[in-house]
Every structure is written in C-alpha cells, then in structure tokens.
Protein backbone atom coordinates (compact mmCIF):
# COMPACT_ATOMS: atom_id res chain seq x y z
CA MET A 1 14.40 -94.76 -75.48
CA ILE A 2 14.76 -98.03 -73.56
CA ARG A 3 11.05 -98.77 -74.00
CA GLY A 4 11.32 -98.32 -77.76
CA GLY A 5 14.30 -100.71 -77.87
CA MET A 6 12.42 -103.30 -75.81
CA LYS A 7 9.41 -103.10 -78.10
CA LEU A 8 11.63 -103.51 -81.14
CA ALA A 9 13.45 -106.48 -79.59
CA THR A 10 10.13 -108.11 -78.63
CA LEU A 11 8.78 -107.59 -82.12
CA ALA A 12 11.94 -109.03 -83.69
CA ALA A 13 11.79 -112.09 -81.38
CA ALA A 14 8.13 -112.66 -82.26
CA VAL A 15 8.86 -112.50 -85.98
CA PHE A 16 11.85 -114.82 -85.57
CA LEU A 17 9.89 -117.40 -83.58
CA ALA A 18 6.97 -117.26 -86.01
CA GLY A 19 9.31 -118.67 -88.67
CA CYS A 20 9.78 -121.77 -86.49
CA ALA A 21 6.08 -122.56 -86.41
CA GLN A 22 4.99 -126.10 -87.07
CA MET A 23 3.10 -126.73 -90.30
CA ARG A 24 0.77 -129.63 -90.91
CA ALA A 25 -0.30 -130.54 -94.40
CA HIS A 26 -2.34 -133.20 -96.15
CA LYS A 27 -0.99 -134.42 -99.47
CA GLY A 28 -2.64 -136.70 -101.97
CA VAL A 29 -6.16 -138.11 -102.17
CA VAL A 30 -8.72 -137.65 -99.42
CA ILE A 31 -9.81 -141.24 -98.88
CA ASP A 32 -13.42 -141.54 -97.68
CA SER A 33 -13.97 -144.79 -95.78
CA GLN A 34 -17.61 -145.08 -96.95
CA ALA A 35 -16.61 -144.64 -100.59
CA VAL A 36 -13.86 -147.23 -100.21
CA SER A 37 -16.19 -149.75 -98.60
CA SER A 38 -18.62 -149.37 -101.51
CA ILE A 39 -16.02 -150.74 -103.97
CA GLN A 40 -16.55 -154.49 -104.28
CA PRO A 41 -14.40 -156.99 -106.16
CA GLY A 42 -16.21 -158.61 -109.08
CA VAL A 43 -18.95 -155.95 -109.07
CA ASP A 44 -17.19 -152.67 -109.85
CA ASN A 45 -15.07 -151.82 -112.89
CA ARG A 46 -12.59 -149.07 -113.83
CA ASP A 47 -15.26 -146.51 -114.66
CA SER A 48 -17.18 -146.98 -111.41
CA VAL A 49 -13.97 -146.79 -109.33
CA GLU A 50 -12.98 -143.60 -111.13
CA LYS A 51 -16.41 -142.08 -110.44
CA VAL A 52 -16.22 -142.94 -106.73
CA LEU A 53 -12.55 -142.22 -105.96
CA GLY A 54 -11.42 -140.09 -108.89
CA ARG A 55 -8.29 -140.60 -110.99
CA PRO A 56 -5.59 -142.63 -109.22
CA THR A 57 -2.48 -140.97 -107.80
CA PHE A 58 -0.49 -143.20 -110.13
CA VAL A 59 -0.89 -146.37 -112.16
CA GLY A 60 1.54 -149.28 -111.80
CA GLN A 61 4.43 -148.96 -114.20
CA PHE A 62 4.86 -152.69 -114.78
CA THR A 63 1.30 -153.65 -113.94
CA PRO A 64 -1.09 -151.13 -115.52
CA ASN A 65 -4.00 -153.01 -113.93
CA ASP A 66 -2.96 -151.68 -110.49
CA TRP A 67 -4.23 -148.27 -109.42
CA TYR A 68 -2.67 -146.56 -106.39
CA TYR A 69 -4.37 -143.93 -104.26
CA VAL A 70 -1.94 -142.28 -101.83
CA SER A 71 -2.96 -140.12 -98.87
CA ARG A 72 -0.32 -138.60 -96.58
CA ASP A 73 -0.32 -136.28 -93.55
CA VAL A 74 3.02 -134.56 -92.92
CA ASN A 75 4.43 -132.36 -90.20
CA GLN A 76 7.17 -129.80 -90.85
CA VAL A 77 9.01 -127.43 -88.54
CA ALA A 78 10.66 -124.37 -90.12
CA PHE A 79 13.12 -125.46 -92.80
CA ARG A 80 13.49 -129.10 -91.79
CA ASN A 81 12.41 -131.98 -93.98
CA PRO A 82 8.74 -132.96 -93.55
CA ARG A 83 7.98 -136.00 -91.38
CA VAL A 84 5.26 -138.45 -92.36
CA MET A 85 2.73 -138.69 -89.53
CA LYS A 86 0.10 -140.79 -91.28
CA GLN A 87 0.06 -142.49 -94.65
CA THR A 88 -2.53 -144.61 -96.36
CA VAL A 89 -2.02 -146.34 -99.69
CA MET A 90 -4.97 -148.03 -101.30
CA ILE A 91 -4.25 -150.43 -104.14
CA VAL A 92 -7.09 -151.34 -106.47
CA ARG A 93 -6.26 -154.28 -108.75
CA PHE A 94 -8.23 -155.02 -111.89
CA ASP A 95 -8.46 -158.23 -113.88
CA ALA A 96 -7.93 -158.46 -117.64
CA LYS A 97 -11.56 -157.46 -118.33
CA GLY A 98 -11.31 -154.29 -116.23
CA ASN A 99 -13.30 -155.51 -113.22
CA VAL A 100 -12.04 -155.00 -109.66
CA ALA A 101 -10.10 -158.07 -108.53
CA SER A 102 -9.02 -156.83 -105.08
CA VAL A 103 -8.73 -153.77 -102.85
CA GLN A 104 -5.79 -153.56 -100.43
CA HIS A 105 -4.77 -151.00 -97.81
CA THR A 106 -1.34 -150.32 -96.40
CA GLY A 107 -0.19 -147.75 -93.92
CA ARG A 108 2.92 -146.05 -92.63
CA GLU A 109 4.85 -149.32 -92.34
CA LEU A 110 5.94 -148.98 -95.97
CA VAL A 111 7.51 -145.53 -95.44
CA MET A 112 11.26 -145.93 -95.68
CA ASN A 113 13.87 -143.46 -94.49
CA VAL A 114 16.90 -143.57 -96.77
CA ASP A 115 20.03 -142.32 -95.05
CA PRO A 116 22.89 -141.99 -97.55
CA SER A 117 26.38 -142.52 -96.22
CA GLY A 118 28.78 -139.72 -97.01
CA LYS A 119 28.56 -137.40 -99.96
CA SER A 120 29.11 -140.01 -102.65
CA THR A 121 27.72 -143.38 -103.55
CA PRO A 122 30.33 -146.11 -103.99
CA THR A 123 30.24 -147.74 -107.43
CA LEU A 124 32.32 -150.36 -109.16
CA GLY A 125 31.90 -149.23 -112.74
CA ARG A 126 33.50 -145.80 -112.59
CA GLN A 127 37.09 -147.00 -112.09
CA GLN A 128 36.74 -149.65 -114.77
CA LEU A 129 35.27 -147.10 -117.18
CA LEU A 130 38.14 -144.70 -116.51
CA ARG A 131 40.75 -147.44 -117.02
CA GLY A 132 39.16 -148.43 -120.32
CA ALA A 133 39.13 -144.83 -121.54
CA VAL A 134 42.81 -144.34 -120.62
CA ARG A 135 43.73 -147.61 -122.34
CA GLN A 136 41.95 -146.55 -125.56
CA TYR A 137 43.60 -143.14 -125.46
CA ARG A 138 47.06 -144.68 -125.09
CA GLN A 139 46.43 -147.10 -127.93
CA ARG A 140 45.28 -144.38 -130.29
CA ARG A 141 48.09 -142.07 -129.33
CA GLY A 142 50.59 -144.85 -129.93
CA ALA A 143 52.09 -144.81 -126.44
CA GLY A 144 51.73 -148.53 -126.11
CA SER A 145 49.08 -150.75 -124.68
CA ALA A 146 48.12 -150.86 -121.05
CA ARG A 147 49.34 -154.46 -120.79
CA PRO A 148 52.91 -155.34 -121.80
CA GLY A 149 53.25 -157.96 -124.51
CA ARG A 150 49.83 -157.22 -125.96
CA ARG A 151 49.62 -156.41 -129.66
CA GLN A 152 48.29 -152.96 -130.44
CA ARG A 153 45.19 -152.59 -132.51
CA PRO A 154 45.81 -150.57 -135.69
CA LEU A 155 44.07 -147.24 -135.93
CA LEU A 156 42.89 -147.88 -139.48
CA ALA A 157 41.58 -151.08 -140.93
CA PRO A 158 44.11 -152.75 -143.31
CA ARG A 159 42.06 -152.08 -146.47
CA PHE A 160 41.86 -148.33 -145.68
CA ARG A 161 45.56 -148.22 -144.91
CA ALA A 162 46.32 -149.89 -148.27
CA ALA A 163 44.10 -147.36 -150.06
CA ILE A 164 45.91 -144.44 -148.42
CA VAL A 165 49.33 -145.87 -149.27
CA SER A 166 48.30 -146.34 -152.91
CA LEU A 167 47.06 -142.73 -153.07
CA LYS A 168 50.39 -141.45 -151.77
CA ARG A 169 52.32 -143.36 -154.45
CA ARG A 170 50.42 -141.76 -157.33
CA PRO A 171 52.16 -138.85 -159.04
C-alpha cells in the first residue's frame, strides 16, 4: 500500500514538474547570412529581394519603401511571459524606382520592456470630458449653468421656438 502511494506521488510530481519545463521558440523569418549578403544596394530591386528573402514581416506604415524582416528567439518557462533572447531586424530601404537603397541590421538593443504603473493610465482628458458632459446635462435640464452669472443657451433656436409658439396659438 505504501509503495503504491509512493509511485503515485512520484508520478504526480513528475507530471507537475513537466509543466514547468522551459520552452524555446523561434518566431519570424529565418535570416540566412549568405542570402542577406547577396542583396546589394543599387543592384537589386523589390522582386529580387522578395525572391531571396520572401515577403517582408511588415512594410513601413508611413514609409512604404521600407521592408522589415524580423527574426526573434524567445525563452518561456511555464506560464510566464516569454523573454527575448535574440532578435534581429533587417530593414531594406528602396528608392522611388524600387531599387535597393540600403540594408540595415539591428539587434536586441531595440527591444523595450514596458512596465505600466498601477492598473490605470493617468490621463488629462477624462475629467474634462466628464465636466463638459455634466455641464451640458445641467443646461439642457434647466438646472442652471455650471458657472454662475453665465447666460444659459436656449434648447431650441429662436426661429423654431417662434414656430412652435405660433402653432400653439392657432385654434
């Protein structure tokens, strides 16, 4: 009986510890150094770069002549967030005619860890928006304006008000 319990406990511990295994993954483009070195500014164009490297990971939003190839190796333990171990970003810039103007490489130095403070982001606009909404509600309800001495804005334009008054007077 004790042996069966020990085997069960050992099996449960093995299954539990297997969930904490470290996972390594490669995400993005596999960048071949020989293929990258074959791309030459002024010689290659968009089609030749696409044949050698494939479609880019993404194209620049504001500069469509910039193609980005991103390669990333990450490490993850159990349910934690993945950590970037190695990252390579290759930027291929084209001129107006579609020829390669430059090829640049960056590494992990551009990876940024954003650590938010607290559970909310401080903003300035929310309080002002709320005050404006309350002020408009008070004015429409007729409870007075938010600032004393300020003239209230009529709910209806004067010409519509005159039309409604004239309709009420008719028999």
